PDB file of N, CA and C in Angstrom:
ATOM      1  N   MET A   1     262.937 117.925 -33.364  1.00  0.00           N
ATOM      2  CA  MET A   1     263.273 117.355 -34.743  1.00  0.00           C
ATOM      3  C   MET A   1     264.059 116.009 -34.626  1.00  0.00           C
ATOM      4  N   ALA A   2     263.700 115.033 -35.344  1.00  0.00           N
ATOM      5  CA  ALA A   2     264.339 113.780 -35.259  1.00  0.00           C
ATOM      6  C   ALA A   2     265.688 113.726 -35.803  1.00  0.00           C
ATOM      7  N   LYS A   3     266.591 113.029 -35.162  1.00  0.00           N
ATOM      8  CA  LYS A   3     267.993 112.872 -35.689  1.00  0.00           C
ATOM      9  C   LYS A   3     268.019 111.842 -36.735  1.00  0.00           C
ATOM     10  N   THR A   4     268.735 112.155 -37.776  1.00  0.00           N
ATOM     11  CA  THR A   4     268.878 111.209 -38.914  1.00  0.00           C
ATOM     12  C   THR A   4     269.813 110.110 -38.597  1.00  0.00           C
ATOM     13  N   LYS A   5     269.380 108.860 -38.860  1.00  0.00           N
ATOM     14  CA  LYS A   5     270.255 107.688 -38.526  1.00  0.00           C
ATOM     15  C   LYS A   5     271.242 107.556 -39.729  1.00  0.00           C
ATOM     16  N   LEU A   6     272.492 107.592 -39.410  1.00  0.00           N
ATOM     17  CA  LEU A   6     273.579 107.554 -40.421  1.00  0.00           C
ATOM     18  C   LEU A   6     274.193 106.185 -40.430  1.00  0.00           C
ATOM     19  N   ASP A   7     274.585 105.663 -41.642  1.00  0.00           N
ATOM     20  CA  ASP A   7     275.246 104.354 -41.702  1.00  0.00           C
ATOM     21  C   ASP A   7     276.735 104.656 -41.339  1.00  0.00           C
ATOM     22  N   PRO A   8     277.560 103.670 -41.022  1.00  0.00           N
ATOM     23  CA  PRO A   8     278.962 103.874 -40.616  1.00  0.00           C
ATOM     24  C   PRO A   8     279.726 104.785 -41.556  1.00  0.00           C
ATOM     25  N   GLU A   9     279.602 104.668 -42.866  1.00  0.00           N
ATOM     26  CA  GLU A   9     280.312 105.406 -43.786  1.00  0.00           C
ATOM     27  C   GLU A   9     279.944 106.885 -43.703  1.00  0.00           C
ATOM     28  N   GLU A  10     278.576 107.174 -43.585  1.00  0.00           N
ATOM     29  CA  GLU A  10     278.163 108.553 -43.496  1.00  0.00           C
ATOM     30  C   GLU A  10     278.641 109.116 -42.171  1.00  0.00           C
ATOM     31  N   GLN A  11     278.563 108.323 -41.138  1.00  0.00           N
ATOM     32  CA  GLN A  11     279.056 108.870 -39.775  1.00  0.00           C
ATOM     33  C   GLN A  11     280.516 109.183 -39.847  1.00  0.00           C
ATOM     34  N   GLU A  12     281.343 108.397 -40.545  1.00  0.00           N
ATOM     35  CA  GLU A  12     282.771 108.640 -40.620  1.00  0.00           C
ATOM     36  C   GLU A  12     282.904 109.993 -41.458  1.00  0.00           C
ATOM     37  N   LEU A  13     282.191 110.147 -42.508  1.00  0.00           N
ATOM     38  CA  LEU A  13     282.353 111.385 -43.293  1.00  0.00           C
ATOM     39  C   LEU A  13     281.915 112.691 -42.437  1.00  0.00           C
ATOM     40  N   LEU A  14     280.831 112.519 -41.727  1.00  0.00           N
ATOM     41  CA  LEU A  14     280.355 113.565 -40.947  1.00  0.00           C
ATOM     42  C   LEU A  14     281.350 113.962 -39.910  1.00  0.00           C
ATOM     43  N   GLU A  15     281.974 112.980 -39.241  1.00  0.00           N
ATOM     44  CA  GLU A  15     282.989 113.272 -38.170  1.00  0.00           C
ATOM     45  C   GLU A  15     284.279 113.854 -38.785  1.00  0.00           C
ATOM     46  N   ALA A  16     284.590 113.419 -40.067  1.00  0.00           N
ATOM     47  CA  ALA A  16     285.716 114.042 -40.714  1.00  0.00           C
ATOM     48  C   ALA A  16     285.480 115.479 -41.086  1.00  0.00           C
ATOM     49  N   TYR A  17     284.335 115.782 -41.538  1.00  0.00           N
ATOM     50  CA  TYR A  17     283.938 117.161 -41.907  1.00  0.00           C
ATOM     51  C   TYR A  17     283.851 117.967 -40.508  1.00  0.00           C
ATOM     52  N   GLU A  18     283.274 117.528 -39.564  1.00  0.00           N
ATOM     53  CA  GLU A  18     283.178 118.385 -38.343  1.00  0.00           C
ATOM     54  C   GLU A  18     284.462 118.594 -37.710  1.00  0.00           C
ATOM     55  N   SER A  19     285.463 117.641 -37.936  1.00  0.00           N
ATOM     56  CA  SER A  19     286.845 117.832 -37.345  1.00  0.00           C
ATOM     57  C   SER A  19     287.736 118.750 -38.152  1.00  0.00           C
ATOM     58  N   GLY A  20     287.229 119.148 -39.356  1.00  0.00           N
ATOM     59  CA  GLY A  20     288.000 120.054 -40.195  1.00  0.00           C
ATOM     60  C   GLY A  20     288.964 119.345 -41.034  1.00  0.00           C
ATOM     61  N   GLU A  21     288.769 118.109 -41.395  1.00  0.00           N
ATOM     62  CA  GLU A  21     289.691 117.348 -42.229  1.00  0.00           C
ATOM     63  C   GLU A  21     289.502 117.700 -43.713  1.00  0.00           C
ATOM     64  N   PHE A  22     288.371 118.304 -44.087  1.00  0.00           N
ATOM     65  CA  PHE A  22     288.179 118.604 -45.535  1.00  0.00           C
ATOM     66  C   PHE A  22     288.556 120.071 -45.781  1.00  0.00           C
ATOM     67  N   GLU A  23     289.205 120.272 -46.893  1.00  0.00           N
ATOM     68  CA  GLU A  23     289.624 121.664 -47.366  1.00  0.00           C
ATOM     69  C   GLU A  23     289.078 121.862 -48.705  1.00  0.00           C
ATOM     70  N   SER A  24     288.572 123.076 -49.023  1.00  0.00           N
ATOM     71  CA  SER A  24     288.161 123.378 -50.370  1.00  0.00           C
ATOM     72  C   SER A  24     289.336 123.550 -51.290  1.00  0.00           C
ATOM     73  N   ASP A  25     289.117 123.052 -52.506  1.00  0.00           N
ATOM     74  CA  ASP A  25     290.133 123.304 -53.512  1.00  0.00           C
ATOM     75  C   ASP A  25     289.825 124.344 -54.516  1.00  0.00           C
ATOM     76  N   LEU A  26     288.762 125.095 -54.213  1.00  0.00           N
ATOM     77  CA  LEU A  26     288.362 126.183 -55.138  1.00  0.00           C
ATOM     78  C   LEU A  26     289.304 127.351 -55.042  1.00  0.00           C
ATOM     79  N   ASP A  27     289.763 127.829 -56.174  1.00  0.00           N
ATOM     80  CA  ASP A  27     290.544 129.089 -56.171  1.00  0.00           C
ATOM     81  C   ASP A  27     289.642 130.239 -56.083  1.00  0.00           C
ATOM     82  N   ALA A  28     290.215 131.393 -55.885  1.00  0.00           N
ATOM     83  CA  ALA A  28     289.419 132.621 -55.663  1.00  0.00           C
ATOM     84  C   ALA A  28     288.514 132.981 -56.794  1.00  0.00           C
ATOM     85  N   ASP A  29     288.984 132.857 -58.068  1.00  0.00           N
ATOM     86  CA  ASP A  29     288.152 133.100 -59.149  1.00  0.00           C
ATOM     87  C   ASP A  29     286.927 132.222 -59.338  1.00  0.00           C
ATOM     88  N   ARG A  30     287.142 130.849 -59.137  1.00  0.00           N
ATOM     89  CA  ARG A  30     286.081 129.925 -59.167  1.00  0.00           C
ATOM     90  C   ARG A  30     285.085 130.212 -58.137  1.00  0.00           C
ATOM     91  N   ARG A  31     285.510 130.421 -56.848  1.00  0.00           N
ATOM     92  CA  ARG A  31     284.657 130.715 -55.791  1.00  0.00           C
ATOM     93  C   ARG A  31     283.788 131.933 -56.053  1.00  0.00           C
ATOM     94  N   GLU A  32     284.428 133.056 -56.578  1.00  0.00           N
ATOM     95  CA  GLU A  32     283.686 134.283 -56.896  1.00  0.00           C
ATOM     96  C   GLU A  32     282.660 133.967 -58.022  1.00  0.00           C
ATOM     97  N   TYR A  33     282.965 133.205 -59.027  1.00  0.00           N
ATOM     98  CA  TYR A  33     281.984 132.850 -60.043  1.00  0.00           C
ATOM     99  C   TYR A  33     280.888 132.089 -59.498  1.00  0.00           C
ATOM    100  N   LEU A  34     281.129 131.046 -58.732  1.00  0.00           N
ATOM    101  CA  LEU A  34     280.081 130.352 -58.121  1.00  0.00           C
ATOM    102  C   LEU A  34     279.221 131.126 -57.201  1.00  0.00           C
ATOM    103  N   THR A  35     279.775 132.083 -56.460  1.00  0.00           N
ATOM    104  CA  THR A  35     278.968 132.926 -55.571  1.00  0.00           C
ATOM    105  C   THR A  35     278.048 133.803 -56.354  1.00  0.00           C
ATOM    106  N   ARG A  36     278.576 134.341 -57.493  1.00  0.00           N
ATOM    107  CA  ARG A  36     277.793 135.202 -58.322  1.00  0.00           C
ATOM    108  C   ARG A  36     276.662 134.495 -58.962  1.00  0.00           C
ATOM    109  N   ALA A  37     276.924 133.226 -59.475  1.00  0.00           N
ATOM    110  CA  ALA A  37     275.940 132.392 -60.006  1.00  0.00           C
ATOM    111  C   ALA A  37     274.777 132.028 -59.045  1.00  0.00           C
ATOM    112  N   ALA A  38     275.182 131.782 -57.850  1.00  0.00           N
ATOM    113  CA  ALA A  38     274.169 131.444 -56.803  1.00  0.00           C
ATOM    114  C   ALA A  38     273.277 132.670 -56.536  1.00  0.00           C
ATOM    115  N   GLU A  39     273.985 133.829 -56.390  1.00  0.00           N
ATOM    116  CA  GLU A  39     273.157 135.065 -56.210  1.00  0.00           C
ATOM    117  C   GLU A  39     272.226 135.314 -57.268  1.00  0.00           C
ATOM    118  N   ASP A  40     272.742 135.210 -58.562  1.00  0.00           N
ATOM    119  CA  ASP A  40     271.839 135.485 -59.661  1.00  0.00           C
ATOM    120  C   ASP A  40     270.713 134.509 -59.796  1.00  0.00           C
ATOM    121  N   THR A  41     270.927 133.289 -59.386  1.00  0.00           N
ATOM    122  CA  THR A  41     269.817 132.258 -59.408  1.00  0.00           C
ATOM    123  C   THR A  41     268.650 132.729 -58.546  1.00  0.00           C
ATOM    124  N   PHE A  42     268.964 133.239 -57.345  1.00  0.00           N
ATOM    125  CA  PHE A  42     267.835 133.516 -56.405  1.00  0.00           C
ATOM    126  C   PHE A  42     267.424 135.037 -56.501  1.00  0.00           C
ATOM    127  N   LYS A  43     268.043 135.853 -57.417  1.00  0.00           N
ATOM    128  CA  LYS A  43     267.632 137.200 -57.516  1.00  0.00           C
ATOM    129  C   LYS A  43     266.279 137.253 -58.322  1.00  0.00           C
ATOM    130  N   LYS A  44     265.322 137.889 -57.738  1.00  0.00           N
ATOM    131  CA  LYS A  44     264.054 138.004 -58.409  1.00  0.00           C
ATOM    132  C   LYS A  44     263.809 139.569 -58.630  1.00  0.00           C
ATOM    133  N   ASP A  45     264.109 139.895 -59.899  1.00  0.00           N
ATOM    134  CA  ASP A  45     264.029 141.251 -60.251  1.00  0.00           C
ATOM    135  C   ASP A  45     262.977 141.588 -61.294  1.00  0.00           C
ATOM    136  N   LYS A  46     262.149 140.679 -61.672  1.00  0.00           N
ATOM    137  CA  LYS A  46     261.149 140.853 -62.688  1.00  0.00           C
ATOM    138  C   LYS A  46     259.847 140.308 -62.125  1.00  0.00           C
ATOM    139  N   ARG A  47     258.741 140.864 -62.553  1.00  0.00           N
ATOM    140  CA  ARG A  47     257.426 140.373 -62.154  1.00  0.00           C
ATOM    141  C   ARG A  47     256.672 139.968 -63.436  1.00  0.00           C
ATOM    142  N   ILE A  48     255.978 138.926 -63.332  1.00  0.00           N
ATOM    143  CA  ILE A  48     255.052 138.541 -64.551  1.00  0.00           C
ATOM    144  C   ILE A  48     253.663 138.289 -64.007  1.00  0.00           C
ATOM    145  N   ASN A  49     252.641 138.446 -64.889  1.00  0.00           N
ATOM    146  CA  ASN A  49     251.337 138.112 -64.598  1.00  0.00           C
ATOM    147  C   ASN A  49     250.878 137.092 -65.666  1.00  0.00           C
ATOM    148  N   ILE A  50     250.275 135.947 -65.184  1.00  0.00           N
ATOM    149  CA  ILE A  50     249.773 134.991 -66.117  1.00  0.00           C
ATOM    150  C   ILE A  50     248.357 134.560 -65.714  1.00  0.00           C
ATOM    151  N   ARG A  51     247.723 134.008 -66.743  1.00  0.00           N
ATOM    152  CA  ARG A  51     246.362 133.558 -66.508  1.00  0.00           C
ATOM    153  C   ARG A  51     246.371 132.099 -66.598  1.00  0.00           C
ATOM    154  N   ILE A  52     245.889 131.328 -65.530  1.00  0.00           N
ATOM    155  CA  ILE A  52     245.812 129.866 -65.606  1.00  0.00           C
ATOM    156  C   ILE A  52     244.492 129.501 -65.073  1.00  0.00           C
ATOM    157  N   SER A  53     244.171 128.279 -65.301  1.00  0.00           N
ATOM    158  CA  SER A  53     242.825 127.761 -64.841  1.00  0.00           C
ATOM    159  C   SER A  53     242.859 127.651 -63.271  1.00  0.00           C
ATOM    160  N   SER A  54     241.733 127.843 -62.693  1.00  0.00           N
ATOM    161  CA  SER A  54     241.648 127.706 -61.279  1.00  0.00           C
ATOM    162  C   SER A  54     241.984 126.395 -60.801  1.00  0.00           C
ATOM    163  N   ARG A  55     241.715 125.348 -61.618  1.00  0.00           N
ATOM    164  CA  ARG A  55     242.089 123.989 -61.244  1.00  0.00           C
ATOM    165  C   ARG A  55     243.656 123.825 -61.219  1.00  0.00           C
ATOM    166  N   ASP A  56     244.251 124.388 -62.180  1.00  0.00           N
ATOM    167  CA  ASP A  56     245.778 124.259 -62.095  1.00  0.00           C
ATOM    168  C   ASP A  56     246.366 125.046 -60.932  1.00  0.00           C
ATOM    169  N   LEU A  57     245.794 126.234 -60.678  1.00  0.00           N
ATOM    170  CA  LEU A  57     246.224 127.021 -59.519  1.00  0.00           C
ATOM    171  C   LEU A  57     246.023 126.244 -58.204  1.00  0.00           C
ATOM    172  N   GLU A  58     244.848 125.678 -58.060  1.00  0.00           N
ATOM    173  CA  GLU A  58     244.583 124.893 -56.843  1.00  0.00           C
ATOM    174  C   GLU A  58     245.588 123.746 -56.651  1.00  0.00           C
ATOM    175  N   ALA A  59     245.806 123.084 -57.792  1.00  0.00           N
ATOM    176  CA  ALA A  59     246.834 121.934 -57.732  1.00  0.00           C
ATOM    177  C   ALA A  59     248.224 122.461 -57.401  1.00  0.00           C
ATOM    178  N   LEU A  60     248.673 123.641 -58.024  1.00  0.00           N
ATOM    179  CA  LEU A  60     249.905 124.184 -57.567  1.00  0.00           C
ATOM    180  C   LEU A  60     249.914 124.520 -56.037  1.00  0.00           C
ATOM    181  N   GLN A  61     248.905 125.073 -55.603  1.00  0.00           N
ATOM    182  CA  GLN A  61     248.858 125.457 -54.178  1.00  0.00           C
ATOM    183  C   GLN A  61     248.876 124.271 -53.271  1.00  0.00           C
ATOM    184  N   ARG A  62     248.157 123.143 -53.687  1.00  0.00           N
ATOM    185  CA  ARG A  62     248.277 121.947 -52.943  1.00  0.00           C
ATOM    186  C   ARG A  62     249.669 121.352 -52.918  1.00  0.00           C
ATOM    187  N   ARG A  63     250.258 121.336 -54.047  1.00  0.00           N
ATOM    188  CA  ARG A  63     251.637 120.825 -54.180  1.00  0.00           C
ATOM    189  C   ARG A  63     252.625 121.599 -53.335  1.00  0.00           C
ATOM    190  N   ALA A  64     252.496 122.957 -53.420  1.00  0.00           N
ATOM    191  CA  ALA A  64     253.348 123.898 -52.628  1.00  0.00           C
ATOM    192  C   ALA A  64     253.233 123.558 -51.132  1.00  0.00           C
ATOM    193  N   LEU A  65     251.944 123.380 -50.778  1.00  0.00           N
ATOM    194  CA  LEU A  65     251.647 123.100 -49.356  1.00  0.00           C
ATOM    195  C   LEU A  65     252.353 121.808 -48.846  1.00  0.00           C
ATOM    196  N   GLU A  66     252.310 120.802 -49.820  1.00  0.00           N
ATOM    197  CA  GLU A  66     252.922 119.521 -49.498  1.00  0.00           C
ATOM    198  C   GLU A  66     254.495 119.757 -49.370  1.00  0.00           C
ATOM    199  N   GLU A  67     255.079 120.572 -50.187  1.00  0.00           N
ATOM    200  CA  GLU A  67     256.411 120.842 -50.190  1.00  0.00           C
ATOM    201  C   GLU A  67     256.843 121.826 -49.021  1.00  0.00           C
ATOM    202  N   GLY A  68     255.857 122.505 -48.430  1.00  0.00           N
ATOM    203  CA  GLY A  68     256.125 123.428 -47.330  1.00  0.00           C
ATOM    204  C   GLY A  68     256.744 124.717 -47.814  1.00  0.00           C
ATOM    205  N   LEU A  69     256.218 125.198 -49.016  1.00  0.00           N
ATOM    206  CA  LEU A  69     256.721 126.542 -49.432  1.00  0.00           C
ATOM    207  C   LEU A  69     255.631 127.316 -50.134  1.00  0.00           C
ATOM    208  N   PRO A  70     255.787 128.609 -50.260  1.00  0.00           N
ATOM    209  CA  PRO A  70     254.718 129.378 -50.958  1.00  0.00           C
ATOM    210  C   PRO A  70     254.554 128.909 -52.457  1.00  0.00           C
ATOM    211  N   TYR A  71     253.351 128.969 -52.929  1.00  0.00           N
ATOM    212  CA  TYR A  71     253.083 128.458 -54.235  1.00  0.00           C
ATOM    213  C   TYR A  71     253.779 129.294 -55.300  1.00  0.00           C
ATOM    214  N   GLN A  72     254.041 130.594 -55.096  1.00  0.00           N
ATOM    215  CA  GLN A  72     254.772 131.425 -56.078  1.00  0.00           C
ATOM    216  C   GLN A  72     256.188 131.044 -56.193  1.00  0.00           C
ATOM    217  N   THR A  73     256.747 130.545 -55.011  1.00  0.00           N
ATOM    218  CA  THR A  73     258.116 130.080 -55.028  1.00  0.00           C
ATOM    219  C   THR A  73     258.179 128.755 -55.794  1.00  0.00           C
ATOM    220  N   LEU A  74     257.221 127.904 -55.591  1.00  0.00           N
ATOM    221  CA  LEU A  74     257.232 126.701 -56.382  1.00  0.00           C
ATOM    222  C   LEU A  74     257.117 126.916 -57.862  1.00  0.00           C
ATOM    223  N   VAL A  75     256.211 127.883 -58.273  1.00  0.00           N
ATOM    224  CA  VAL A  75     256.162 128.169 -59.697  1.00  0.00           C
ATOM    225  C   VAL A  75     257.478 128.678 -60.253  1.00  0.00           C
ATOM    226  N   SER A  76     258.019 129.597 -59.488  1.00  0.00           N
ATOM    227  CA  SER A  76     259.390 130.151 -59.872  1.00  0.00           C
ATOM    228  C   SER A  76     260.380 129.067 -59.949  1.00  0.00           C
ATOM    229  N   SER A  77     260.494 128.209 -59.055  1.00  0.00           N
ATOM    230  CA  SER A  77     261.387 127.000 -59.179  1.00  0.00           C
ATOM    231  C   SER A  77     261.170 126.203 -60.271  1.00  0.00           C
ATOM    232  N   VAL A  78     260.000 125.809 -60.573  1.00  0.00           N
ATOM    233  CA  VAL A  78     259.673 124.942 -61.712  1.00  0.00           C
ATOM    234  C   VAL A  78     260.056 125.633 -63.053  1.00  0.00           C
ATOM    235  N   LEU A  79     259.790 126.863 -63.250  1.00  0.00           N
ATOM    236  CA  LEU A  79     260.149 127.689 -64.356  1.00  0.00           C
ATOM    237  C   LEU A  79     261.704 127.676 -64.500  1.00  0.00           C
ATOM    238  N   HIS A  80     262.340 128.062 -63.348  1.00  0.00           N
ATOM    239  CA  HIS A  80     263.788 128.024 -63.386  1.00  0.00           C
ATOM    240  C   HIS A  80     264.416 126.656 -63.824  1.00  0.00           C
ATOM    241  N   LYS A  81     263.871 125.629 -63.295  1.00  0.00           N
ATOM    242  CA  LYS A  81     264.438 124.284 -63.625  1.00  0.00           C
ATOM    243  C   LYS A  81     264.136 123.960 -65.088  1.00  0.00           C
ATOM    244  N   TYR A  82     263.029 124.396 -65.586  1.00  0.00           N
ATOM    245  CA  TYR A  82     262.679 124.055 -66.942  1.00  0.00           C
ATOM    246  C   TYR A  82     263.647 124.896 -67.951  1.00  0.00           C
ATOM    247  N   VAL A  83     263.819 126.201 -67.711  1.00  0.00           N
ATOM    248  CA  VAL A  83     264.673 126.955 -68.589  1.00  0.00           C
ATOM    249  C   VAL A  83     266.083 126.633 -68.475  1.00  0.00           C
ATOM    250  N   SER A  84     266.503 126.152 -67.288  1.00  0.00           N
ATOM    251  CA  SER A  84     268.002 125.792 -67.148  1.00  0.00           C
ATOM    252  C   SER A  84     268.286 124.369 -67.668  1.00  0.00           C
ATOM    253  N   GLY A  85     267.137 123.621 -67.986  1.00  0.00           N
ATOM    254  CA  GLY A  85     267.306 122.317 -68.636  1.00  0.00           C
ATOM    255  C   GLY A  85     267.357 121.149 -67.649  1.00  0.00           C
ATOM    256  N   SER A  86     267.032 121.403 -66.409  1.00  0.00           N
ATOM    257  CA  SER A  86     267.072 120.355 -65.380  1.00  0.00           C
ATOM    258  C   SER A  86     265.643 119.688 -65.234  1.00  0.00           C
ATOM    259  N   LEU A  87     264.686 120.345 -65.963  1.00  0.00           N
ATOM    260  CA  LEU A  87     263.289 119.758 -65.914  1.00  0.00           C
ATOM    261  C   LEU A  87     262.917 119.600 -67.367  1.00  0.00           C
ATOM    262  N   LYS A  88     262.542 118.358 -67.646  1.00  0.00           N
ATOM    263  CA  LYS A  88     262.305 118.067 -69.125  1.00  0.00           C
ATOM    264  C   LYS A  88     260.796 117.913 -69.340  1.00  0.00           C
ATOM    265  N   ASP A  89     260.259 118.228 -70.393  1.00  0.00           N
ATOM    266  CA  ASP A  89     258.882 117.965 -70.840  1.00  0.00           C
ATOM    267  C   ASP A  89     258.828 116.638 -71.346  1.00  0.00           C
ATOM    268  N   ILE A  90     258.253 115.653 -70.554  1.00  0.00           N
ATOM    269  CA  ILE A  90     258.162 114.316 -71.025  1.00  0.00           C
ATOM    270  C   ILE A  90     257.152 114.078 -72.133  1.00  0.00           C
ATOM    271  N   SER A  91     256.170 114.958 -72.270  1.00  0.00           N
ATOM    272  CA  SER A  91     255.275 114.818 -73.381  1.00  0.00           C
ATOM    273  C   SER A  91     255.885 115.116 -74.688  1.00  0.00           C
ATOM    274  N   ALA A  92     256.977 115.905 -74.736  1.00  0.00           N
ATOM    275  CA  ALA A  92     257.720 116.177 -75.957  1.00  0.00           C
ATOM    276  C   ALA A  92     258.365 114.917 -76.511  1.00  0.00           C
ATOM    277  N   ASN A  93     258.777 113.999 -75.597  1.00  0.00           N
ATOM    278  CA  ASN A  93     259.470 112.751 -76.033  1.00  0.00           C
ATOM    279  C   ASN A  93     258.322 111.851 -76.585  1.00  0.00           C
ATOM    280  N   LYS A  94     257.163 111.952 -76.204  1.00  0.00           N
ATOM    281  CA  LYS A  94     256.083 111.084 -76.648  1.00  0.00           C
ATOM    282  C   LYS A  94     255.375 111.559 -77.978  1.00  0.00           C
ATOM    283  N   SER A  95     255.693 112.710 -78.440  1.00  0.00           N
ATOM    284  CA  SER A  95     255.086 113.324 -79.650  1.00  0.00           C
ATOM    285  C   SER A  95     255.161 112.422 -80.816  1.00  0.00           C
ATOM    286  N   GLY A  96     256.388 111.777 -80.911  1.00  0.00           N
ATOM    287  CA  GLY A  96     256.517 110.925 -82.129  1.00  0.00           C
ATOM    288  C   GLY A  96     255.647 109.589 -82.049  1.00  0.00           C
ATOM    289  N   GLN A  97     255.191 109.287 -80.844  1.00  0.00           N
ATOM    290  CA  GLN A  97     254.401 108.066 -80.644  1.00  0.00           C
ATOM    291  C   GLN A  97     252.904 108.316 -80.839  1.00  0.00           C
ATOM    292  N   ARG A  98     252.567 109.521 -80.897  1.00  0.00           N
ATOM    293  CA  ARG A  98     251.094 109.816 -81.088  1.00  0.00           C
ATOM    294  C   ARG A  98     250.669 109.613 -82.515  1.00  0.00           C
ATOM    295  N   LYS A  99     249.469 109.190 -82.654  1.00  0.00           N
ATOM    296  CA  LYS A  99     248.927 109.089 -84.087  1.00  0.00           C
ATOM    297  C   LYS A  99     248.214 110.310 -84.354  1.00  0.00           C
ATOM    298  N   ARG A 100     248.359 110.765 -85.643  1.00  0.00           N
ATOM    299  CA  ARG A 100     247.766 111.960 -86.039  1.00  0.00           C
ATOM    300  C   ARG A 100     246.588 111.777 -86.892  1.00  0.00           C
TER     301      ARG A 100
END
């Protein structure tokens, strides 16, 4: 695996981190909350079945292969990002510009 080239500032930060100069300022309650939130994010406790076109499925599988992950994981990630608000539907912003 190739070693990443760091600029001087990044190298300084890495060395400070590795020497233990950084300390967390999270209190126990906040750390517990964040731990729970992270666990809940990755918990997969429900199954869904959907029908999509073979063309879309093939495109999803190709994109997942490019990203180096299973296509179902990619689909789950995209859905999670959309419902959490970090993935926006750009076509929704263009709806006002369409002629009817």
